């Protein structure tokens, strides 16, 4: 999965609603397994949060994804080792 594909898939999830679930984790795992780096994923998600900063709910959805990407979540939701 490319960086652009990750960003597009996460953007759609953000628009759909609650983002702290296994479907989002699976997207991040696919990205990781295809060689995607945690640092790049974090930057892309932070950019999505900025893009959605005008909508409080969508902005919060982006930060839920960021929690998974950074490992600031339950151990069973982590994609990369917690830094």
PDB file of N, CA and C in Angstrom:
ATOM      1  N   UNK A   1       0.849  -1.177   0.000  1.00  0.00           N
ATOM      2  CA  UNK A   1       0.000   0.000   0.000  1.00  0.00           C
ATOM      3  C   UNK A   1       0.895   1.240   0.000  1.00  0.00           C
ATOM      4  N   UNK A   2       0.591   2.168  -0.859  1.00  0.00           N
ATOM      5  CA  UNK A   2       1.373   3.396  -0.935  1.00  0.00           C
ATOM      6  C   UNK A   2       0.909   4.394   0.122  1.00  0.00           C
ATOM      7  N   UNK A   3       1.711   5.431   0.320  1.00  0.00           N
ATOM      8  CA  UNK A   3       1.335   6.488   1.258  1.00  0.00           C
ATOM      9  C   UNK A   3       0.029   7.139   0.837  1.00  0.00           C
ATOM     10  N   UNK A   4      -0.122   7.382  -0.458  1.00  0.00           N
ATOM     11  CA  UNK A   4      -1.330   8.009  -0.974  1.00  0.00           C
ATOM     12  C   UNK A   4      -2.559   7.121  -0.748  1.00  0.00           C
ATOM     13  N   UNK A   5      -2.395   5.817  -0.969  1.00  0.00           N
ATOM     14  CA  UNK A   5      -3.511   4.891  -0.726  1.00  0.00           C
ATOM     15  C   UNK A   5      -3.896   4.888   0.747  1.00  0.00           C
ATOM     16  N   UNK A   6      -2.898   4.895   1.628  1.00  0.00           N
ATOM     17  CA  UNK A   6      -3.191   4.943   3.063  1.00  0.00           C
ATOM     18  C   UNK A   6      -3.978   6.199   3.392  1.00  0.00           C
ATOM     19  N   UNK A   7      -3.516   7.323   2.922  1.00  0.00           N
ATOM     20  CA  UNK A   7      -4.181   8.581   3.226  1.00  0.00           C
ATOM     21  C   UNK A   7      -5.623   8.575   2.713  1.00  0.00           C
ATOM     22  N   UNK A   8      -5.843   8.090   1.502  1.00  0.00           N
ATOM     23  CA  UNK A   8      -7.194   8.048   0.942  1.00  0.00           C
ATOM     24  C   UNK A   8      -8.105   7.104   1.717  1.00  0.00           C
ATOM     25  N   UNK A   9      -7.598   5.942   2.085  1.00  0.00           N
ATOM     26  CA  UNK A   9      -8.423   4.983   2.841  1.00  0.00           C
ATOM     27  C   UNK A   9      -8.768   5.526   4.219  1.00  0.00           C
ATOM     28  N   UNK A  10      -7.805   6.162   4.873  1.00  0.00           N
ATOM     29  CA  UNK A  10      -8.074   6.728   6.197  1.00  0.00           C
ATOM     30  C   UNK A  10      -9.019   7.915   6.115  1.00  0.00           C
ATOM     31  N   UNK A  11      -8.905   8.701   5.070  1.00  0.00           N
ATOM     32  CA  UNK A  11      -9.813   9.837   4.883  1.00  0.00           C
ATOM     33  C   UNK A  11     -11.259   9.339   4.808  1.00  0.00           C
ATOM     34  N   UNK A  12     -11.481   8.258   4.079  1.00  0.00           N
ATOM     35  CA  UNK A  12     -12.828   7.688   3.981  1.00  0.00           C
ATOM     36  C   UNK A  12     -13.321   7.184   5.337  1.00  0.00           C
ATOM     37  N   UNK A  13     -12.445   6.532   6.093  1.00  0.00           N
ATOM     38  CA  UNK A  13     -12.827   6.045   7.425  1.00  0.00           C
ATOM     39  C   UNK A  13     -13.176   7.205   8.347  1.00  0.00           C
ATOM     40  N   UNK A  14     -12.409   8.280   8.270  1.00  0.00           N
ATOM     41  CA  UNK A  14     -12.678   9.457   9.102  1.00  0.00           C
ATOM     42  C   UNK A  14     -14.071   9.998   8.803  1.00  0.00           C
ATOM     43  N   UNK A  15     -14.430  10.048   7.542  1.00  0.00           N
ATOM     44  CA  UNK A  15     -15.746  10.559   7.149  1.00  0.00           C
ATOM     45  C   UNK A  15     -16.877   9.639   7.587  1.00  0.00           C
ATOM     46  N   UNK A  16     -16.584   8.330   7.732  1.00  0.00           N
ATOM     47  CA  UNK A  16     -17.614   7.354   8.085  1.00  0.00           C
ATOM     48  C   UNK A  16     -17.969   7.373   9.568  1.00  0.00           C
ATOM     49  N   UNK A  17     -17.072   7.816  10.420  1.00  0.00           N
ATOM     50  CA  UNK A  17     -17.394   7.878  11.839  1.00  0.00           C
ATOM     51  C   UNK A  17     -16.308   7.318  12.715  1.00  0.00           C
ATOM     52  N   UNK A  18     -16.714   6.640  13.785  1.00  0.00           N
ATOM     53  CA  UNK A  18     -15.777   6.129  14.791  1.00  0.00           C
ATOM     54  C   UNK A  18     -14.584   5.445  14.153  1.00  0.00           C
ATOM     55  N   UNK A  19     -13.400   5.873  14.528  1.00  0.00           N
ATOM     56  CA  UNK A  19     -12.187   5.362  13.891  1.00  0.00           C
ATOM     57  C   UNK A  19     -11.326   4.529  14.822  1.00  0.00           C
ATOM     58  N   UNK A  20     -11.773   4.328  16.038  1.00  0.00           N
ATOM     59  CA  UNK A  20     -10.978   3.517  16.957  1.00  0.00           C
ATOM     60  C   UNK A  20     -11.551   2.100  16.954  1.00  0.00           C
ATOM     61  N   UNK A  21     -11.249   1.362  15.872  1.00  0.00           N
ATOM     62  CA  UNK A  21     -11.728  -0.012  15.780  1.00  0.00           C
ATOM     63  C   UNK A  21     -10.795  -0.851  14.922  1.00  0.00           C
ATOM     64  N   UNK A  22     -11.062  -2.132  14.868  1.00  0.00           N
ATOM     65  CA  UNK A  22     -10.181  -3.102  14.207  1.00  0.00           C
ATOM     66  C   UNK A  22     -10.053  -2.875  12.700  1.00  0.00           C
ATOM     67  N   UNK A  23     -11.063  -2.294  12.050  1.00  0.00           N
ATOM     68  CA  UNK A  23     -10.960  -2.037  10.609  1.00  0.00           C
ATOM     69  C   UNK A  23      -9.851  -1.033  10.312  1.00  0.00           C
ATOM     70  N   UNK A  24      -9.767  -0.009  11.117  1.00  0.00           N
ATOM     71  CA  UNK A  24      -8.708   0.983  10.940  1.00  0.00           C
ATOM     72  C   UNK A  24      -7.361   0.358  11.281  1.00  0.00           C
ATOM     73  N   UNK A  25      -7.324  -0.438  12.330  1.00  0.00           N
ATOM     74  CA  UNK A  25      -6.085  -1.132  12.680  1.00  0.00           C
ATOM     75  C   UNK A  25      -5.627  -2.010  11.511  1.00  0.00           C
ATOM     76  N   UNK A  26      -6.554  -2.691  10.872  1.00  0.00           N
ATOM     77  CA  UNK A  26      -6.213  -3.561   9.737  1.00  0.00           C
ATOM     78  C   UNK A  26      -5.621  -2.755   8.576  1.00  0.00           C
ATOM     79  N   UNK A  27      -6.157  -1.566   8.323  1.00  0.00           N
ATOM     80  CA  UNK A  27      -5.608  -0.707   7.270  1.00  0.00           C
ATOM     81  C   UNK A  27      -4.168  -0.341   7.606  1.00  0.00           C
ATOM     82  N   UNK A  28      -3.938   0.042   8.849  1.00  0.00           N
ATOM     83  CA  UNK A  28      -2.580   0.396   9.265  1.00  0.00           C
ATOM     84  C   UNK A  28      -1.646  -0.808   9.210  1.00  0.00           C
ATOM     85  N   UNK A  29      -2.152  -1.983   9.557  1.00  0.00           N
ATOM     86  CA  UNK A  29      -1.338  -3.201   9.470  1.00  0.00           C
ATOM     87  C   UNK A  29      -0.983  -3.524   8.016  1.00  0.00           C
ATOM     88  N   UNK A  30      -1.933  -3.351   7.114  1.00  0.00           N
ATOM     89  CA  UNK A  30      -1.653  -3.564   5.686  1.00  0.00           C
ATOM     90  C   UNK A  30      -0.554  -2.618   5.217  1.00  0.00           C
ATOM     91  N   UNK A  31      -0.651  -1.381   5.650  1.00  0.00           N
ATOM     92  CA  UNK A  31       0.360  -0.386   5.287  1.00  0.00           C
ATOM     93  C   UNK A  31       1.723  -0.805   5.848  1.00  0.00           C
ATOM     94  N   UNK A  32       1.767  -1.164   7.115  1.00  0.00           N
ATOM     95  CA  UNK A  32       3.011  -1.609   7.747  1.00  0.00           C
ATOM     96  C   UNK A  32       3.585  -2.823   7.022  1.00  0.00           C
ATOM     97  N   UNK A  33       2.737  -3.796   6.724  1.00  0.00           N
ATOM     98  CA  UNK A  33       3.183  -5.042   6.103  1.00  0.00           C
ATOM     99  C   UNK A  33       3.671  -4.844   4.665  1.00  0.00           C
ATOM    100  N   UNK A  34       3.249  -3.753   4.046  1.00  0.00           N
ATOM    101  CA  UNK A  34       3.721  -3.468   2.690  1.00  0.00           C
ATOM    102  C   UNK A  34       4.954  -2.564   2.710  1.00  0.00           C
ATOM    103  N   UNK A  35       5.536  -2.387   3.895  1.00  0.00           N
ATOM    104  CA  UNK A  35       6.768  -1.614   4.019  1.00  0.00           C
ATOM    105  C   UNK A  35       6.590  -0.194   4.510  1.00  0.00           C
ATOM    106  N   UNK A  36       5.358   0.170   4.843  1.00  0.00           N
ATOM    107  CA  UNK A  36       5.098   1.521   5.340  1.00  0.00           C
ATOM    108  C   UNK A  36       5.719   1.747   6.711  1.00  0.00           C
ATOM    109  N   UNK A  37       6.224   2.931   6.913  1.00  0.00           N
ATOM    110  CA  UNK A  37       6.889   3.293   8.163  1.00  0.00           C
ATOM    111  C   UNK A  37       5.929   4.020   9.103  1.00  0.00           C
ATOM    112  N   UNK A  38       6.102   3.769  10.393  1.00  0.00           N
ATOM    113  CA  UNK A  38       5.270   4.408  11.401  1.00  0.00           C
ATOM    114  C   UNK A  38       5.378   5.929  11.322  1.00  0.00           C
ATOM    115  N   UNK A  39       6.570   6.444  11.174  1.00  0.00           N
ATOM    116  CA  UNK A  39       6.766   7.895  11.142  1.00  0.00           C
ATOM    117  C   UNK A  39       6.002   8.539   9.980  1.00  0.00           C
ATOM    118  N   UNK A  40       6.000   7.867   8.841  1.00  0.00           N
ATOM    119  CA  UNK A  40       5.286   8.387   7.673  1.00  0.00           C
ATOM    120  C   UNK A  40       3.780   8.344   7.917  1.00  0.00           C
ATOM    121  N   UNK A  41       3.306   7.241   8.484  1.00  0.00           N
ATOM    122  CA  UNK A  41       1.872   7.120   8.784  1.00  0.00           C
ATOM    123  C   UNK A  41       1.434   8.225   9.739  1.00  0.00           C
ATOM    124  N   UNK A  42       2.242   8.478  10.754  1.00  0.00           N
ATOM    125  CA  UNK A  42       1.908   9.525  11.718  1.00  0.00           C
ATOM    126  C   UNK A  42       1.816  10.884  11.023  1.00  0.00           C
ATOM    127  N   UNK A  43       2.760  11.193  10.166  1.00  0.00           N
ATOM    128  CA  UNK A  43       2.732  12.476   9.444  1.00  0.00           C
ATOM    129  C   UNK A  43       1.489  12.595   8.565  1.00  0.00           C
ATOM    130  N   UNK A  44       1.138  11.497   7.884  1.00  0.00           N
ATOM    131  CA  UNK A  44      -0.049  11.522   7.028  1.00  0.00           C
ATOM    132  C   UNK A  44      -1.320  11.729   7.852  1.00  0.00           C
ATOM    133  N   UNK A  45      -1.400  11.071   8.984  1.00  0.00           N
ATOM    134  CA  UNK A  45      -2.583  11.199   9.847  1.00  0.00           C
ATOM    135  C   UNK A  45      -2.653  12.598  10.455  1.00  0.00           C
ATOM    136  N   UNK A  46      -1.512  13.135  10.854  1.00  0.00           N
ATOM    137  CA  UNK A  46      -1.495  14.502  11.376  1.00  0.00           C
ATOM    138  C   UNK A  46      -1.975  15.486  10.314  1.00  0.00           C
ATOM    139  N   UNK A  47      -1.604  15.256   9.054  1.00  0.00           N
ATOM    140  CA  UNK A  47      -2.074  16.123   7.975  1.00  0.00           C
ATOM    141  C   UNK A  47      -3.587  15.996   7.797  1.00  0.00           C
ATOM    142  N   UNK A  48      -4.113  14.778   7.921  1.00  0.00           N
ATOM    143  CA  UNK A  48      -5.561  14.596   7.844  1.00  0.00           C
ATOM    144  C   UNK A  48      -6.259  15.346   8.979  1.00  0.00           C
ATOM    145  N   UNK A  49      -5.682  15.310  10.170  1.00  0.00           N
ATOM    146  CA  UNK A  49      -6.262  16.038  11.304  1.00  0.00           C
ATOM    147  C   UNK A  49      -6.307  17.537  10.997  1.00  0.00           C
ATOM    148  N   UNK A  50      -5.254  18.044  10.376  1.00  0.00           N
ATOM    149  CA  UNK A  50      -5.236  19.458   9.988  1.00  0.00           C
ATOM    150  C   UNK A  50      -6.308  19.715   8.928  1.00  0.00           C
ATOM    151  N   UNK A  51      -6.388  18.830   7.941  1.00  0.00           N
ATOM    152  CA  UNK A  51      -7.374  18.983   6.867  1.00  0.00           C
ATOM    153  C   UNK A  51      -8.800  19.016   7.415  1.00  0.00           C
ATOM    154  N   UNK A  52      -9.049  18.267   8.484  1.00  0.00           N
ATOM    155  CA  UNK A  52     -10.395  18.184   9.063  1.00  0.00           C
ATOM    156  C   UNK A  52     -10.554  19.066  10.303  1.00  0.00           C
ATOM    157  N   UNK A  53      -9.649  20.009  10.503  1.00  0.00           N
ATOM    158  CA  UNK A  53      -9.689  20.831  11.721  1.00  0.00           C
ATOM    159  C   UNK A  53     -10.930  21.711  11.808  1.00  0.00           C
ATOM    160  N   UNK A  54     -11.610  21.935  10.704  1.00  0.00           N
ATOM    161  CA  UNK A  54     -12.821  22.735  10.717  1.00  0.00           C
ATOM    162  C   UNK A  54     -14.046  21.997  11.207  1.00  0.00           C
ATOM    163  N   UNK A  55     -13.934  20.694  11.385  1.00  0.00           N
ATOM    164  CA  UNK A  55     -15.047  19.867  11.856  1.00  0.00           C
ATOM    165  C   UNK A  55     -14.581  19.095  13.087  1.00  0.00           C
ATOM    166  N   UNK A  56     -15.131  19.438  14.218  1.00  0.00           N
ATOM    167  CA  UNK A  56     -14.673  18.865  15.490  1.00  0.00           C
ATOM    168  C   UNK A  56     -14.756  17.341  15.524  1.00  0.00           C
ATOM    169  N   UNK A  57     -15.808  16.770  14.987  1.00  0.00           N
ATOM    170  CA  UNK A  57     -15.988  15.318  15.014  1.00  0.00           C
ATOM    171  C   UNK A  57     -14.974  14.627  14.104  1.00  0.00           C
ATOM    172  N   UNK A  58     -14.834  15.131  12.882  1.00  0.00           N
ATOM    173  CA  UNK A  58     -13.877  14.530  11.955  1.00  0.00           C
ATOM    174  C   UNK A  58     -12.446  14.694  12.458  1.00  0.00           C
ATOM    175  N   UNK A  59     -12.173  15.826  13.072  1.00  0.00           N
ATOM    176  CA  UNK A  59     -10.856  16.078  13.650  1.00  0.00           C
ATOM    177  C   UNK A  59     -10.570  15.047  14.752  1.00  0.00           C
ATOM    178  N   UNK A  60     -11.560  14.792  15.595  1.00  0.00           N
ATOM    179  CA  UNK A  60     -11.414  13.793  16.663  1.00  0.00           C
ATOM    180  C   UNK A  60     -11.232  12.396  16.076  1.00  0.00           C
ATOM    181  N   UNK A  61     -11.939  12.093  14.987  1.00  0.00           N
ATOM    182  CA  UNK A  61     -11.781  10.792  14.335  1.00  0.00           C
ATOM    183  C   UNK A  61     -10.346  10.594  13.869  1.00  0.00           C
ATOM    184  N   UNK A  62      -9.748  11.642  13.304  1.00  0.00           N
ATOM    185  CA  UNK A  62      -8.355  11.556  12.851  1.00  0.00           C
ATOM    186  C   UNK A  62      -7.433  11.287  14.036  1.00  0.00           C
ATOM    187  N   UNK A  63      -7.701  11.928  15.154  1.00  0.00           N
ATOM    188  CA  UNK A  63      -6.858  11.704  16.334  1.00  0.00           C
ATOM    189  C   UNK A  63      -7.053  10.310  16.931  1.00  0.00           C
ATOM    190  N   UNK A  64      -8.216   9.707  16.744  1.00  0.00           N
ATOM    191  CA  UNK A  64      -8.390   8.314  17.167  1.00  0.00           C
ATOM    192  C   UNK A  64      -7.468   7.395  16.360  1.00  0.00           C
ATOM    193  N   UNK A  65      -7.345   7.672  15.068  1.00  0.00           N
ATOM    194  CA  UNK A  65      -6.435   6.893  14.227  1.00  0.00           C
ATOM    195  C   UNK A  65      -4.993   7.138  14.656  1.00  0.00           C
ATOM    196  N   UNK A  66      -4.688   8.377  14.976  1.00  0.00           N
ATOM    197  CA  UNK A  66      -3.342   8.712  15.419  1.00  0.00           C
ATOM    198  C   UNK A  66      -2.988   7.942  16.693  1.00  0.00           C
ATOM    199  N   UNK A  67      -3.943   7.774  17.585  1.00  0.00           N
ATOM    200  CA  UNK A  67      -3.699   6.989  18.802  1.00  0.00           C
ATOM    201  C   UNK A  67      -3.275   5.563  18.471  1.00  0.00           C
ATOM    202  N   UNK A  68      -3.892   4.970  17.478  1.00  0.00           N
ATOM    203  CA  UNK A  68      -3.531   3.611  17.068  1.00  0.00           C
ATOM    204  C   UNK A  68      -2.136   3.609  16.444  1.00  0.00           C
ATOM    205  N   UNK A  69      -1.877   4.570  15.567  1.00  0.00           N
ATOM    206  CA  UNK A  69      -0.590   4.620  14.862  1.00  0.00           C
ATOM    207  C   UNK A  69       0.583   4.870  15.804  1.00  0.00           C
ATOM    208  N   UNK A  70       0.359   5.670  16.830  1.00  0.00           N
ATOM    209  CA  UNK A  70       1.447   5.986  17.762  1.00  0.00           C
ATOM    210  C   UNK A  70       1.600   4.935  18.855  1.00  0.00           C
ATOM    211  N   UNK A  71       0.582   4.074  19.002  1.00  0.00           N
ATOM    212  CA  UNK A  71       0.621   3.078  20.066  1.00  0.00           C
ATOM    213  C   UNK A  71       0.062   3.588  21.376  1.00  0.00           C
ATOM    214  N   UNK A  72      -0.587   4.743  21.332  1.00  0.00           N
ATOM    215  CA  UNK A  72      -1.186   5.333  22.516  1.00  0.00           C
ATOM    216  C   UNK A  72      -2.602   4.768  22.676  1.00  0.00           C
ATOM    217  N   UNK A  73      -2.647   3.436  22.857  1.00  0.00           N
ATOM    218  CA  UNK A  73      -3.910   2.712  22.892  1.00  0.00           C
ATOM    219  C   UNK A  73      -3.691   1.378  23.614  1.00  0.00           C
ATOM    220  N   UNK A  74      -4.761   0.609  23.720  1.00  0.00           N
ATOM    221  CA  UNK A  74      -4.644  -0.735  24.313  1.00  0.00           C
ATOM    222  C   UNK A  74      -3.646  -1.555  23.500  1.00  0.00           C
ATOM    223  N   UNK A  75      -2.994  -2.471  24.166  1.00  0.00           N
ATOM    224  CA  UNK A  75      -1.973  -3.305  23.515  1.00  0.00           C
ATOM    225  C   UNK A  75      -2.537  -4.069  22.326  1.00  0.00           C
ATOM    226  N   UNK A  76      -3.789  -4.517  22.395  1.00  0.00           N
ATOM    227  CA  UNK A  76      -4.363  -5.300  21.301  1.00  0.00           C
ATOM    228  C   UNK A  76      -4.709  -4.454  20.076  1.00  0.00           C
ATOM    229  N   UNK A  77      -4.608  -3.130  20.191  1.00  0.00           N
ATOM    230  CA  UNK A  77      -4.881  -2.247  19.053  1.00  0.00           C
ATOM    231  C   UNK A  77      -3.598  -1.717  18.419  1.00  0.00           C
ATOM    232  N   UNK A  78      -2.468  -1.948  19.020  1.00  0.00           N
ATOM    233  CA  UNK A  78      -1.211  -1.411  18.510  1.00  0.00           C
ATOM    234  C   UNK A  78      -0.819  -2.057  17.193  1.00  0.00           C
ATOM    235  N   UNK A  79      -0.214  -1.262  16.322  1.00  0.00           N
ATOM    236  CA  UNK A  79       0.260  -1.728  15.019  1.00  0.00           C
ATOM    237  C   UNK A  79       1.781  -1.826  15.051  1.00  0.00           C
ATOM    238  N   UNK A  80       2.399  -0.819  15.583  1.00  0.00           N
ATOM    239  CA  UNK A  80       3.839  -0.801  15.764  1.00  0.00           C
ATOM    240  C   UNK A  80       4.118  -0.829  17.260  1.00  0.00           C
ATOM    241  N   UNK A  81       5.320  -1.233  17.643  1.00  0.00           N
ATOM    242  CA  UNK A  81       5.678  -1.201  19.056  1.00  0.00           C
ATOM    243  C   UNK A  81       5.569   0.225  19.566  1.00  0.00           C
ATOM    244  N   UNK A  82       5.115   0.355  20.800  1.00  0.00           N
ATOM    245  CA  UNK A  82       4.979   1.685  21.391  1.00  0.00           C
ATOM    246  C   UNK A  82       6.366   2.291  21.546  1.00  0.00           C
ATOM    247  N   UNK A  83       6.504   3.536  21.114  1.00  0.00           N
ATOM    248  CA  UNK A  83       7.790   4.225  21.197  1.00  0.00           C
ATOM    249  C   UNK A  83       7.947   4.901  22.526  1.00  0.00           C
TER     250      UNK A  83
END
